[in-house]
Amino acid sequence: MSTGIIIGEDSLARPSWAATDPMMRTYYDTEWGMPVRDEHGVFERLSLEAFQAGLSWATILRKRENFREAFAGFDPEVIEGFGDAKVEELLGNAGIIRNRAKILATIKNAKATIALREDGGLADFIWSFQPDSTPAPNALEDIPTTSPESVAMSKALKKRGFAFVGPTTMFALMEALGIVDTHLLGSHRRGTSGIWTA
């Protein structure tokens, strides 16, 4: 059985999805799974995970700078003021994913993020769902796509007015933020977040 681990020309072990495309490899090596604990960083990743729903992460990553430009650097205070004209402008922006529901969700989530400041803020809220243990996958097929914590986080965020925050999307967010470590046991990145041991 294949584990999905590929040894690169630099002798480092990575999962197949991060082994060939230089952009994905850099993201995997330097960013994915490293702790993000500030509101801006968490909000940006929450927004991008929502846009990624049903698409590949590589598609989103290639457009990330366009997203940052279109969404005011993912500043919730600016985005909450986006009106109908701005939505139409975004729907005409070929540099991003032109999906009305996801654009409207980003605006809704900006408002919900600001409201959450009265109760500790988005970052602390998201991190409060960190589990007691993390998966220890040997192969790609061992990596879960949801968890009891991602289900609970999804429900809690929806109660707070967030949209496009389903359990699978929230588990992907937890992986990206370092809340869980789903690096394969053979990967050079396993246990490098400082949150979980190898």
N, C-alpha and C. Protein backbone atom coordinates (compact mmCIF):
# COMPACT_ATOMS: atom_id res chain seq x y z
N MET A 1 0.84 -1.20 0.00
CA MET A 1 0.00 0.00 0.00
C MET A 1 0.88 1.25 0.00
N SER A 2 0.57 2.18 -0.86
CA SER A 2 1.33 3.43 -0.93
C SER A 2 0.92 4.35 0.23
N THR A 3 1.91 5.00 0.80
CA THR A 3 1.61 5.94 1.88
C THR A 3 1.27 7.31 1.33
N GLY A 4 1.64 7.54 0.07
CA GLY A 4 1.44 8.87 -0.49
C GLY A 4 2.62 9.80 -0.21
N ILE A 5 3.68 9.26 0.39
CA ILE A 5 4.89 10.05 0.68
C ILE A 5 5.84 9.97 -0.50
N ILE A 6 6.37 11.12 -0.87
CA ILE A 6 7.35 11.19 -1.96
C ILE A 6 8.61 11.87 -1.43
N ILE A 7 9.76 11.29 -1.69
CA ILE A 7 11.03 11.89 -1.30
C ILE A 7 11.48 12.82 -2.43
N GLY A 8 11.64 14.11 -2.11
CA GLY A 8 12.03 15.08 -3.13
C GLY A 8 13.51 15.03 -3.45
N GLU A 9 13.90 15.82 -4.46
CA GLU A 9 15.32 15.88 -4.83
C GLU A 9 16.17 16.49 -3.71
N ASP A 10 15.49 17.16 -2.76
CA ASP A 10 16.18 17.69 -1.58
C ASP A 10 16.22 16.67 -0.44
N SER A 11 15.81 15.45 -0.73
CA SER A 11 15.79 14.33 0.23
C SER A 11 14.75 14.49 1.34
N LEU A 12 13.81 15.42 1.20
CA LEU A 12 12.77 15.62 2.21
C LEU A 12 11.50 14.87 1.80
N ALA A 13 10.83 14.29 2.79
CA ALA A 13 9.61 13.51 2.55
C ALA A 13 8.39 14.41 2.65
N ARG A 14 7.57 14.37 1.60
CA ARG A 14 6.34 15.17 1.56
C ARG A 14 5.19 14.32 1.02
N PRO A 15 3.93 14.70 1.33
CA PRO A 15 2.82 13.99 0.71
C PRO A 15 2.78 14.31 -0.78
N SER A 16 2.15 13.43 -1.54
CA SER A 16 2.14 13.59 -3.00
C SER A 16 1.58 14.94 -3.45
N TRP A 17 0.58 15.47 -2.72
CA TRP A 17 -0.02 16.73 -3.15
C TRP A 17 0.94 17.92 -3.03
N ALA A 18 2.00 17.76 -2.24
CA ALA A 18 2.95 18.86 -2.03
C ALA A 18 4.31 18.58 -2.65
N ALA A 19 4.39 17.52 -3.46
CA ALA A 19 5.72 17.06 -3.89
C ALA A 19 6.18 17.60 -5.24
N THR A 20 5.27 18.00 -6.11
CA THR A 20 5.70 18.34 -7.47
C THR A 20 5.53 19.82 -7.81
N ASP A 21 4.37 20.39 -7.54
CA ASP A 21 4.12 21.81 -7.86
C ASP A 21 4.94 22.68 -6.90
N PRO A 22 5.84 23.53 -7.42
CA PRO A 22 6.68 24.36 -6.54
C PRO A 22 5.88 25.26 -5.60
N MET A 23 4.76 25.79 -6.07
CA MET A 23 3.92 26.65 -5.24
C MET A 23 3.35 25.86 -4.06
N MET A 24 2.84 24.66 -4.34
CA MET A 24 2.27 23.83 -3.28
C MET A 24 3.36 23.35 -2.31
N ARG A 25 4.54 23.06 -2.85
CA ARG A 25 5.63 22.60 -2.00
C ARG A 25 6.07 23.71 -1.03
N THR A 26 6.18 24.93 -1.54
CA THR A 26 6.56 26.06 -0.67
C THR A 26 5.51 26.28 0.40
N TYR A 27 4.22 26.23 0.00
CA TYR A 27 3.13 26.39 0.96
C TYR A 27 3.20 25.32 2.03
N TYR A 28 3.43 24.08 1.61
CA TYR A 28 3.50 22.97 2.55
C TYR A 28 4.69 23.13 3.50
N ASP A 29 5.83 23.49 2.93
CA ASP A 29 7.07 23.56 3.72
C ASP A 29 7.08 24.72 4.72
N THR A 30 6.44 25.82 4.37
CA THR A 30 6.61 27.04 5.16
C THR A 30 5.37 27.53 5.89
N GLU A 31 4.19 27.09 5.46
CA GLU A 31 2.98 27.72 5.99
C GLU A 31 1.93 26.75 6.52
N TRP A 32 1.61 25.73 5.76
CA TRP A 32 0.49 24.85 6.12
C TRP A 32 0.76 24.16 7.45
N GLY A 33 -0.18 24.31 8.37
CA GLY A 33 -0.05 23.65 9.66
C GLY A 33 0.76 24.42 10.69
N MET A 34 1.26 25.61 10.31
CA MET A 34 1.97 26.43 11.29
C MET A 34 0.93 27.29 12.02
N PRO A 35 1.09 27.49 13.34
CA PRO A 35 0.07 28.17 14.12
C PRO A 35 -0.21 29.60 13.64
N VAL A 36 -1.49 29.90 13.49
CA VAL A 36 -1.96 31.25 13.18
C VAL A 36 -2.94 31.61 14.29
N ARG A 37 -2.64 32.68 15.03
CA ARG A 37 -3.45 33.00 16.21
C ARG A 37 -3.96 34.45 16.23
N ASP A 38 -3.80 35.18 15.13
CA ASP A 38 -4.29 36.56 15.10
C ASP A 38 -5.59 36.61 14.28
N GLU A 39 -6.44 37.58 14.61
CA GLU A 39 -7.74 37.67 13.94
C GLU A 39 -7.59 37.76 12.43
N HIS A 40 -6.70 38.64 11.96
CA HIS A 40 -6.56 38.84 10.52
C HIS A 40 -6.15 37.55 9.81
N GLY A 41 -5.15 36.86 10.37
CA GLY A 41 -4.68 35.63 9.75
C GLY A 41 -5.75 34.54 9.74
N VAL A 42 -6.48 34.43 10.84
CA VAL A 42 -7.53 33.41 10.92
C VAL A 42 -8.67 33.76 9.97
N PHE A 43 -9.06 35.04 9.92
CA PHE A 43 -10.15 35.45 9.04
C PHE A 43 -9.79 35.22 7.57
N GLU A 44 -8.57 35.53 7.19
CA GLU A 44 -8.16 35.29 5.80
C GLU A 44 -8.28 33.81 5.46
N ARG A 45 -7.77 32.95 6.33
CA ARG A 45 -7.80 31.52 6.04
C ARG A 45 -9.22 30.96 6.07
N LEU A 46 -10.04 31.46 6.99
CA LEU A 46 -11.45 31.07 7.02
C LEU A 46 -12.12 31.44 5.69
N SER A 47 -11.83 32.63 5.20
CA SER A 47 -12.43 33.11 3.94
C SER A 47 -11.95 32.27 2.76
N LEU A 48 -10.65 31.98 2.70
CA LEU A 48 -10.12 31.21 1.58
C LEU A 48 -10.60 29.77 1.62
N GLU A 49 -10.73 29.20 2.82
CA GLU A 49 -11.28 27.83 2.91
C GLU A 49 -12.71 27.80 2.40
N ALA A 50 -13.49 28.84 2.67
CA ALA A 50 -14.87 28.90 2.18
C ALA A 50 -14.88 28.96 0.65
N PHE A 51 -13.99 29.77 0.07
CA PHE A 51 -13.92 29.85 -1.39
C PHE A 51 -13.45 28.53 -1.99
N GLN A 52 -12.66 27.77 -1.23
CA GLN A 52 -12.10 26.52 -1.74
C GLN A 52 -13.14 25.41 -1.81
N ALA A 53 -14.22 25.52 -1.06
CA ALA A 53 -15.23 24.45 -1.01
C ALA A 53 -15.60 24.00 -2.42
N GLY A 54 -15.37 22.72 -2.71
CA GLY A 54 -15.68 22.16 -4.01
C GLY A 54 -14.60 22.34 -5.05
N LEU A 55 -13.52 23.00 -4.69
CA LEU A 55 -12.41 23.26 -5.62
C LEU A 55 -11.11 22.73 -5.03
N SER A 56 -10.04 22.82 -5.79
CA SER A 56 -8.74 22.39 -5.27
C SER A 56 -8.08 23.55 -4.55
N TRP A 57 -7.26 23.22 -3.54
CA TRP A 57 -6.55 24.26 -2.81
C TRP A 57 -5.55 24.97 -3.71
N ALA A 58 -4.98 24.26 -4.68
CA ALA A 58 -4.02 24.88 -5.61
C ALA A 58 -4.69 26.03 -6.37
N THR A 59 -5.96 25.86 -6.74
CA THR A 59 -6.70 26.92 -7.44
C THR A 59 -6.78 28.18 -6.57
N ILE A 60 -7.06 28.00 -5.30
CA ILE A 60 -7.17 29.13 -4.37
C ILE A 60 -5.80 29.78 -4.15
N LEU A 61 -4.79 28.95 -3.96
CA LEU A 61 -3.46 29.46 -3.68
C LEU A 61 -2.93 30.31 -4.84
N ARG A 62 -3.22 29.86 -6.06
CA ARG A 62 -2.77 30.64 -7.23
C ARG A 62 -3.45 32.00 -7.29
N LYS A 63 -4.64 32.11 -6.72
CA LYS A 63 -5.39 33.36 -6.78
C LYS A 63 -5.30 34.16 -5.48
N ARG A 64 -4.49 33.71 -4.52
CA ARG A 64 -4.52 34.33 -3.19
C ARG A 64 -4.22 35.82 -3.23
N GLU A 65 -3.21 36.23 -3.99
CA GLU A 65 -2.89 37.66 -4.04
C GLU A 65 -4.04 38.45 -4.66
N ASN A 66 -4.72 37.87 -5.65
CA ASN A 66 -5.89 38.53 -6.23
C ASN A 66 -7.01 38.67 -5.20
N PHE A 67 -7.20 37.61 -4.40
CA PHE A 67 -8.20 37.66 -3.33
C PHE A 67 -7.85 38.76 -2.33
N ARG A 68 -6.59 38.84 -1.96
CA ARG A 68 -6.18 39.86 -0.98
C ARG A 68 -6.46 41.26 -1.50
N GLU A 69 -6.18 41.46 -2.78
CA GLU A 69 -6.43 42.77 -3.38
C GLU A 69 -7.94 43.06 -3.45
N ALA A 70 -8.71 42.08 -3.89
CA ALA A 70 -10.16 42.26 -4.06
C ALA A 70 -10.88 42.46 -2.74
N PHE A 71 -10.37 41.81 -1.68
CA PHE A 71 -11.04 41.85 -0.37
C PHE A 71 -10.26 42.69 0.65
N ALA A 72 -9.66 43.77 0.16
CA ALA A 72 -9.05 44.77 1.06
C ALA A 72 -8.10 44.14 2.07
N GLY A 73 -7.28 43.19 1.59
CA GLY A 73 -6.34 42.54 2.50
C GLY A 73 -7.01 41.73 3.59
N PHE A 74 -8.25 41.34 3.35
CA PHE A 74 -9.06 40.59 4.31
C PHE A 74 -9.21 41.35 5.63
N ASP A 75 -9.47 42.64 5.51
CA ASP A 75 -9.76 43.48 6.68
C ASP A 75 -11.27 43.43 6.94
N PRO A 76 -11.69 42.78 8.03
CA PRO A 76 -13.14 42.64 8.27
C PRO A 76 -13.89 43.97 8.31
N GLU A 77 -13.23 45.00 8.82
CA GLU A 77 -13.91 46.29 8.96
C GLU A 77 -14.20 46.93 7.61
N VAL A 78 -13.35 46.68 6.63
CA VAL A 78 -13.61 47.19 5.28
C VAL A 78 -14.65 46.30 4.59
N ILE A 79 -14.48 45.00 4.71
CA ILE A 79 -15.36 44.06 4.00
C ILE A 79 -16.80 44.16 4.49
N GLU A 80 -17.01 44.41 5.77
CA GLU A 80 -18.39 44.48 6.27
C GLU A 80 -19.18 45.61 5.61
N GLY A 81 -18.48 46.59 5.06
CA GLY A 81 -19.14 47.70 4.38
C GLY A 81 -19.38 47.48 2.90
N PHE A 82 -19.00 46.31 2.37
CA PHE A 82 -19.21 46.03 0.95
C PHE A 82 -20.72 45.98 0.67
N GLY A 83 -21.16 46.79 -0.29
CA GLY A 83 -22.57 46.81 -0.67
C GLY A 83 -22.80 46.12 -2.01
N ASP A 84 -23.98 46.31 -2.56
CA ASP A 84 -24.36 45.63 -3.81
C ASP A 84 -23.42 45.95 -4.95
N ALA A 85 -23.00 47.22 -5.07
CA ALA A 85 -22.12 47.61 -6.17
C ALA A 85 -20.79 46.88 -6.08
N LYS A 86 -20.27 46.76 -4.86
CA LYS A 86 -19.00 46.06 -4.66
C LYS A 86 -19.15 44.58 -4.98
N VAL A 87 -20.28 44.00 -4.60
CA VAL A 87 -20.53 42.58 -4.90
C VAL A 87 -20.52 42.37 -6.42
N GLU A 88 -21.17 43.26 -7.15
CA GLU A 88 -21.20 43.15 -8.62
C GLU A 88 -19.80 43.30 -9.20
N GLU A 89 -19.02 44.22 -8.61
CA GLU A 89 -17.64 44.40 -9.06
C GLU A 89 -16.83 43.11 -8.85
N LEU A 90 -17.01 42.49 -7.69
CA LEU A 90 -16.29 41.25 -7.39
C LEU A 90 -16.72 40.12 -8.33
N LEU A 91 -18.00 40.09 -8.67
CA LEU A 91 -18.50 39.06 -9.59
C LEU A 91 -17.92 39.23 -10.99
N GLY A 92 -17.41 40.42 -11.28
CA GLY A 92 -16.77 40.68 -12.57
C GLY A 92 -15.27 40.54 -12.54
N ASN A 93 -14.73 40.16 -11.38
CA ASN A 93 -13.28 40.06 -11.19
C ASN A 93 -12.80 38.65 -11.54
N ALA A 94 -12.16 38.51 -12.69
CA ALA A 94 -11.71 37.20 -13.16
C ALA A 94 -10.55 36.65 -12.34
N GLY A 95 -9.96 37.47 -11.48
CA GLY A 95 -8.81 37.03 -10.68
C GLY A 95 -9.18 36.23 -9.45
N ILE A 96 -10.49 36.22 -9.12
CA ILE A 96 -10.94 35.48 -7.94
C ILE A 96 -11.97 34.42 -8.36
N ILE A 97 -12.51 33.70 -7.40
CA ILE A 97 -13.60 32.75 -7.68
C ILE A 97 -14.89 33.58 -7.66
N ARG A 98 -15.56 33.65 -8.80
CA ARG A 98 -16.74 34.51 -8.92
C ARG A 98 -18.00 33.73 -8.56
N ASN A 99 -18.22 33.59 -7.28
CA ASN A 99 -19.36 32.84 -6.76
C ASN A 99 -20.10 33.75 -5.80
N ARG A 100 -21.30 34.13 -6.19
CA ARG A 100 -22.06 35.12 -5.39
C ARG A 100 -22.25 34.66 -3.95
N ALA A 101 -22.62 33.40 -3.76
CA ALA A 101 -22.88 32.90 -2.40
C ALA A 101 -21.62 32.99 -1.54
N LYS A 102 -20.47 32.69 -2.11
CA LYS A 102 -19.22 32.73 -1.34
C LYS A 102 -18.79 34.17 -1.07
N ILE A 103 -19.02 35.05 -2.02
CA ILE A 103 -18.71 36.48 -1.81
C ILE A 103 -19.59 37.03 -0.69
N LEU A 104 -20.89 36.73 -0.76
CA LEU A 104 -21.82 37.21 0.28
C LEU A 104 -21.47 36.61 1.63
N ALA A 105 -21.02 35.35 1.64
CA ALA A 105 -20.61 34.71 2.89
C ALA A 105 -19.40 35.41 3.50
N THR A 106 -18.47 35.85 2.66
CA THR A 106 -17.28 36.55 3.16
C THR A 106 -17.68 37.86 3.84
N ILE A 107 -18.64 38.57 3.26
CA ILE A 107 -19.13 39.82 3.86
C ILE A 107 -19.85 39.52 5.18
N LYS A 108 -20.67 38.50 5.16
CA LYS A 108 -21.40 38.08 6.37
C LYS A 108 -20.41 37.67 7.46
N ASN A 109 -19.37 36.94 7.07
CA ASN A 109 -18.39 36.47 8.03
C ASN A 109 -17.54 37.62 8.59
N ALA A 110 -17.33 38.65 7.79
CA ALA A 110 -16.62 39.83 8.30
C ALA A 110 -17.43 40.49 9.41
N LYS A 111 -18.72 40.61 9.19
CA LYS A 111 -19.61 41.19 10.21
C LYS A 111 -19.62 40.33 11.47
N ALA A 112 -19.69 39.02 11.28
CA ALA A 112 -19.71 38.10 12.42
C ALA A 112 -18.38 38.13 13.18
N THR A 113 -17.28 38.32 12.45
CA THR A 113 -15.95 38.41 13.07
C THR A 113 -15.87 39.64 13.97
N ILE A 114 -16.39 40.76 13.49
CA ILE A 114 -16.39 41.99 14.29
C ILE A 114 -17.26 41.82 15.53
N ALA A 115 -18.41 41.20 15.35
CA ALA A 115 -19.31 40.97 16.50
C ALA A 115 -18.65 40.07 17.54
N LEU A 116 -17.82 39.14 17.09
CA LEU A 116 -17.18 38.19 17.99
C LEU A 116 -16.11 38.84 18.87
N ARG A 117 -15.68 40.03 18.49
CA ARG A 117 -14.67 40.73 19.29
C ARG A 117 -15.15 40.99 20.71
N GLU A 118 -16.45 41.11 20.87
CA GLU A 118 -17.02 41.36 22.21
C GLU A 118 -16.93 40.12 23.10
N ASP A 119 -16.57 38.99 22.49
CA ASP A 119 -16.56 37.73 23.23
C ASP A 119 -15.23 37.00 23.05
N GLY A 120 -14.14 37.76 23.05
CA GLY A 120 -12.82 37.15 22.97
C GLY A 120 -12.18 37.13 21.60
N GLY A 121 -12.97 37.30 20.55
CA GLY A 121 -12.41 37.37 19.21
C GLY A 121 -12.39 36.06 18.45
N LEU A 122 -12.27 36.17 17.14
CA LEU A 122 -12.33 35.02 16.23
C LEU A 122 -11.22 34.00 16.50
N ALA A 123 -9.99 34.47 16.66
CA ALA A 123 -8.87 33.54 16.81
C ALA A 123 -9.03 32.67 18.06
N ASP A 124 -9.32 33.29 19.19
CA ASP A 124 -9.50 32.52 20.42
C ASP A 124 -10.69 31.57 20.30
N PHE A 125 -11.75 32.04 19.63
CA PHE A 125 -12.95 31.21 19.45
C PHE A 125 -12.60 29.95 18.65
N ILE A 126 -11.90 30.13 17.54
CA ILE A 126 -11.52 28.99 16.70
C ILE A 126 -10.59 28.04 17.45
N TRP A 127 -9.60 28.60 18.13
CA TRP A 127 -8.62 27.77 18.84
C TRP A 127 -9.22 27.05 20.06
N SER A 128 -10.37 27.52 20.52
CA SER A 128 -11.00 26.85 21.67
C SER A 128 -11.47 25.44 21.31
N PHE A 129 -11.47 25.12 20.01
CA PHE A 129 -11.88 23.78 19.56
C PHE A 129 -10.69 22.85 19.34
N GLN A 130 -9.51 23.24 19.82
CA GLN A 130 -8.34 22.35 19.70
C GLN A 130 -8.60 21.07 20.48
N PRO A 131 -8.41 19.90 19.83
CA PRO A 131 -8.67 18.63 20.52
C PRO A 131 -7.54 18.28 21.48
N ASP A 132 -7.77 17.22 22.26
CA ASP A 132 -6.76 16.75 23.21
C ASP A 132 -5.66 15.95 22.51
N SER A 133 -5.97 15.43 21.34
CA SER A 133 -4.97 14.66 20.60
C SER A 133 -5.15 14.96 19.11
N THR A 134 -4.15 14.59 18.33
CA THR A 134 -4.20 14.86 16.89
C THR A 134 -4.05 13.55 16.13
N PRO A 135 -4.58 13.47 14.90
CA PRO A 135 -4.41 12.23 14.13
C PRO A 135 -2.93 11.90 13.91
N ALA A 136 -2.66 10.63 13.69
CA ALA A 136 -1.29 10.18 13.40
C ALA A 136 -1.33 9.32 12.14
N PRO A 137 -1.56 9.96 10.98
CA PRO A 137 -1.76 9.20 9.75
C PRO A 137 -0.46 8.66 9.14
N ASN A 138 -0.48 7.39 8.77
CA ASN A 138 0.64 6.78 8.05
C ASN A 138 0.51 7.00 6.54
N ALA A 139 -0.73 7.12 6.07
CA ALA A 139 -1.00 7.27 4.65
C ALA A 139 -2.09 8.31 4.44
N LEU A 140 -2.16 8.85 3.23
CA LEU A 140 -3.14 9.90 2.94
C LEU A 140 -4.56 9.46 3.27
N GLU A 141 -4.86 8.16 3.00
CA GLU A 141 -6.23 7.69 3.26
C GLU A 141 -6.55 7.58 4.75
N ASP A 142 -5.53 7.71 5.60
CA ASP A 142 -5.76 7.68 7.05
C ASP A 142 -6.17 9.05 7.60
N ILE A 143 -6.05 10.09 6.78
CA ILE A 143 -6.34 11.44 7.27
C ILE A 143 -7.85 11.67 7.26
N PRO A 144 -8.43 12.00 8.41
CA PRO A 144 -9.89 12.26 8.43
C PRO A 144 -10.23 13.55 7.70
N THR A 145 -11.49 13.71 7.36
CA THR A 145 -11.94 14.94 6.71
C THR A 145 -12.82 15.78 7.64
N THR A 146 -13.23 15.17 8.76
CA THR A 146 -13.96 15.90 9.80
C THR A 146 -13.53 15.32 11.14
N SER A 147 -13.97 15.97 12.19
CA SER A 147 -13.72 15.47 13.55
C SER A 147 -14.86 15.95 14.43
N PRO A 148 -15.01 15.38 15.61
CA PRO A 148 -16.05 15.90 16.51
C PRO A 148 -15.86 17.40 16.78
N GLU A 149 -14.59 17.84 16.83
CA GLU A 149 -14.32 19.26 17.09
C GLU A 149 -14.69 20.13 15.90
N SER A 150 -14.46 19.63 14.68
CA SER A 150 -14.82 20.45 13.51
C SER A 150 -16.33 20.53 13.36
N VAL A 151 -17.03 19.47 13.75
CA VAL A 151 -18.50 19.50 13.74
C VAL A 151 -19.01 20.51 14.76
N ALA A 152 -18.42 20.48 15.96
CA ALA A 152 -18.83 21.43 17.01
C ALA A 152 -18.49 22.86 16.62
N MET A 153 -17.32 23.06 16.03
CA MET A 153 -16.93 24.41 15.59
C MET A 153 -17.88 24.93 14.52
N SER A 154 -18.24 24.07 13.58
CA SER A 154 -19.17 24.44 12.52
C SER A 154 -20.49 24.92 13.10
N LYS A 155 -21.03 24.15 14.02
CA LYS A 155 -22.31 24.52 14.65
C LYS A 155 -22.18 25.84 15.41
N ALA A 156 -21.10 25.98 16.16
CA ALA A 156 -20.91 27.19 16.97
C ALA A 156 -20.75 28.43 16.10
N LEU A 157 -20.02 28.31 15.00
CA LEU A 157 -19.83 29.46 14.10
C LEU A 157 -21.13 29.83 13.42
N LYS A 158 -21.91 28.82 13.00
CA LYS A 158 -23.21 29.12 12.38
C LYS A 158 -24.12 29.86 13.35
N LYS A 159 -24.07 29.47 14.63
CA LYS A 159 -24.87 30.16 15.65
C LYS A 159 -24.44 31.62 15.79
N ARG A 160 -23.17 31.88 15.51
CA ARG A 160 -22.62 33.24 15.61
C ARG A 160 -22.79 34.02 14.32
N GLY A 161 -23.46 33.44 13.33
CA GLY A 161 -23.76 34.19 12.11
C GLY A 161 -22.81 33.95 10.95
N PHE A 162 -21.95 32.94 11.05
CA PHE A 162 -21.01 32.65 9.97
C PHE A 162 -21.66 31.73 8.93
N ALA A 163 -21.17 31.81 7.68
CA ALA A 163 -21.66 30.98 6.58
C ALA A 163 -20.49 30.28 5.90
N PHE A 164 -20.78 29.21 5.17
CA PHE A 164 -19.76 28.39 4.49
C PHE A 164 -18.73 27.88 5.49
N VAL A 165 -19.22 27.39 6.62
CA VAL A 165 -18.34 26.88 7.68
C VAL A 165 -18.76 25.45 8.05
N GLY A 166 -18.95 24.61 7.03
CA GLY A 166 -19.32 23.22 7.27
C GLY A 166 -18.20 22.46 7.96
N PRO A 167 -18.50 21.29 8.52
CA PRO A 167 -17.52 20.51 9.28
C PRO A 167 -16.25 20.15 8.50
N THR A 168 -16.40 19.83 7.20
CA THR A 168 -15.23 19.47 6.40
C THR A 168 -14.35 20.70 6.16
N THR A 169 -15.00 21.83 5.83
CA THR A 169 -14.26 23.08 5.62
C THR A 169 -13.56 23.50 6.91
N MET A 170 -14.22 23.31 8.05
CA MET A 170 -13.62 23.69 9.33
C MET A 170 -12.48 22.75 9.72
N PHE A 171 -12.58 21.48 9.32
CA PHE A 171 -11.45 20.58 9.59
C PHE A 171 -10.24 21.01 8.77
N ALA A 172 -10.47 21.38 7.51
CA ALA A 172 -9.38 21.88 6.66
C ALA A 172 -8.77 23.15 7.28
N LEU A 173 -9.61 24.00 7.85
CA LEU A 173 -9.12 25.20 8.53
C LEU A 173 -8.25 24.82 9.73
N MET A 174 -8.72 23.85 10.50
CA MET A 174 -7.96 23.40 11.67
C MET A 174 -6.59 22.86 11.25
N GLU A 175 -6.55 22.15 10.13
CA GLU A 175 -5.27 21.66 9.61
C GLU A 175 -4.36 22.82 9.21
N ALA A 176 -4.93 23.78 8.48
CA ALA A 176 -4.14 24.91 7.98
C ALA A 176 -3.57 25.76 9.10
N LEU A 177 -4.35 25.92 10.19
CA LEU A 177 -3.95 26.79 11.29
C LEU A 177 -3.05 26.10 12.32
N GLY A 178 -2.87 24.78 12.18
CA GLY A 178 -2.05 24.05 13.14
C GLY A 178 -2.81 23.55 14.36
N ILE A 179 -4.13 23.70 14.35
CA ILE A 179 -4.95 23.25 15.48
C ILE A 179 -4.91 21.72 15.59
N VAL A 180 -4.83 21.07 14.44
CA VAL A 180 -4.51 19.64 14.40
C VAL A 180 -3.31 19.47 13.49
N ASP A 181 -2.56 18.40 13.68
CA ASP A 181 -1.41 18.09 12.83
C ASP A 181 -1.74 16.83 12.06
N THR A 182 -2.05 16.98 10.77
CA THR A 182 -2.34 15.80 9.95
C THR A 182 -1.20 15.53 8.97
N HIS A 183 -0.01 16.10 9.25
CA HIS A 183 1.15 15.71 8.44
C HIS A 183 1.35 14.20 8.60
N LEU A 184 1.67 13.54 7.51
CA LEU A 184 1.93 12.10 7.58
C LEU A 184 3.12 11.83 8.50
N LEU A 185 3.10 10.68 9.16
CA LEU A 185 4.15 10.35 10.12
C LEU A 185 5.53 10.35 9.48
N GLY A 186 5.60 10.07 8.19
CA GLY A 186 6.91 10.07 7.52
C GLY A 186 7.35 11.41 6.97
N SER A 187 6.49 12.43 7.09
CA SER A 187 6.79 13.74 6.48
C SER A 187 7.81 14.52 7.30
N HIS A 188 8.61 15.31 6.60
CA HIS A 188 9.60 16.14 7.29
C HIS A 188 8.95 17.25 8.12
N ARG A 189 7.67 17.52 7.89
CA ARG A 189 6.97 18.57 8.61
C ARG A 189 6.24 18.07 9.87
N ARG A 190 6.15 16.77 10.04
CA ARG A 190 5.41 16.23 11.18
C ARG A 190 5.99 16.76 12.49
N GLY A 191 5.11 17.34 13.33
CA GLY A 191 5.54 17.81 14.64
C GLY A 191 6.32 19.10 14.64
N THR A 192 6.34 19.84 13.51
CA THR A 192 7.16 21.07 13.45
C THR A 192 6.40 22.32 13.87
N SER A 193 5.12 22.18 14.19
CA SER A 193 4.31 23.37 14.50
C SER A 193 4.59 23.92 15.89
N GLY A 194 5.14 23.09 16.75
CA GLY A 194 5.32 23.51 18.14
C GLY A 194 4.08 23.28 18.99
N ILE A 195 2.99 22.87 18.33
CA ILE A 195 1.73 22.58 19.05
C ILE A 195 1.68 21.10 19.41
N TRP A 196 2.07 20.27 18.46
CA TRP A 196 2.03 18.82 18.64
C TRP A 196 3.42 18.25 18.47
N THR A 197 3.71 17.18 19.19
CA THR A 197 5.00 16.50 19.01
C THR A 197 4.89 15.54 17.83
N ALA A 198 6.03 15.16 17.30
CA ALA A 198 6.05 14.24 16.15
C ALA A 198 5.54 12.87 16.57
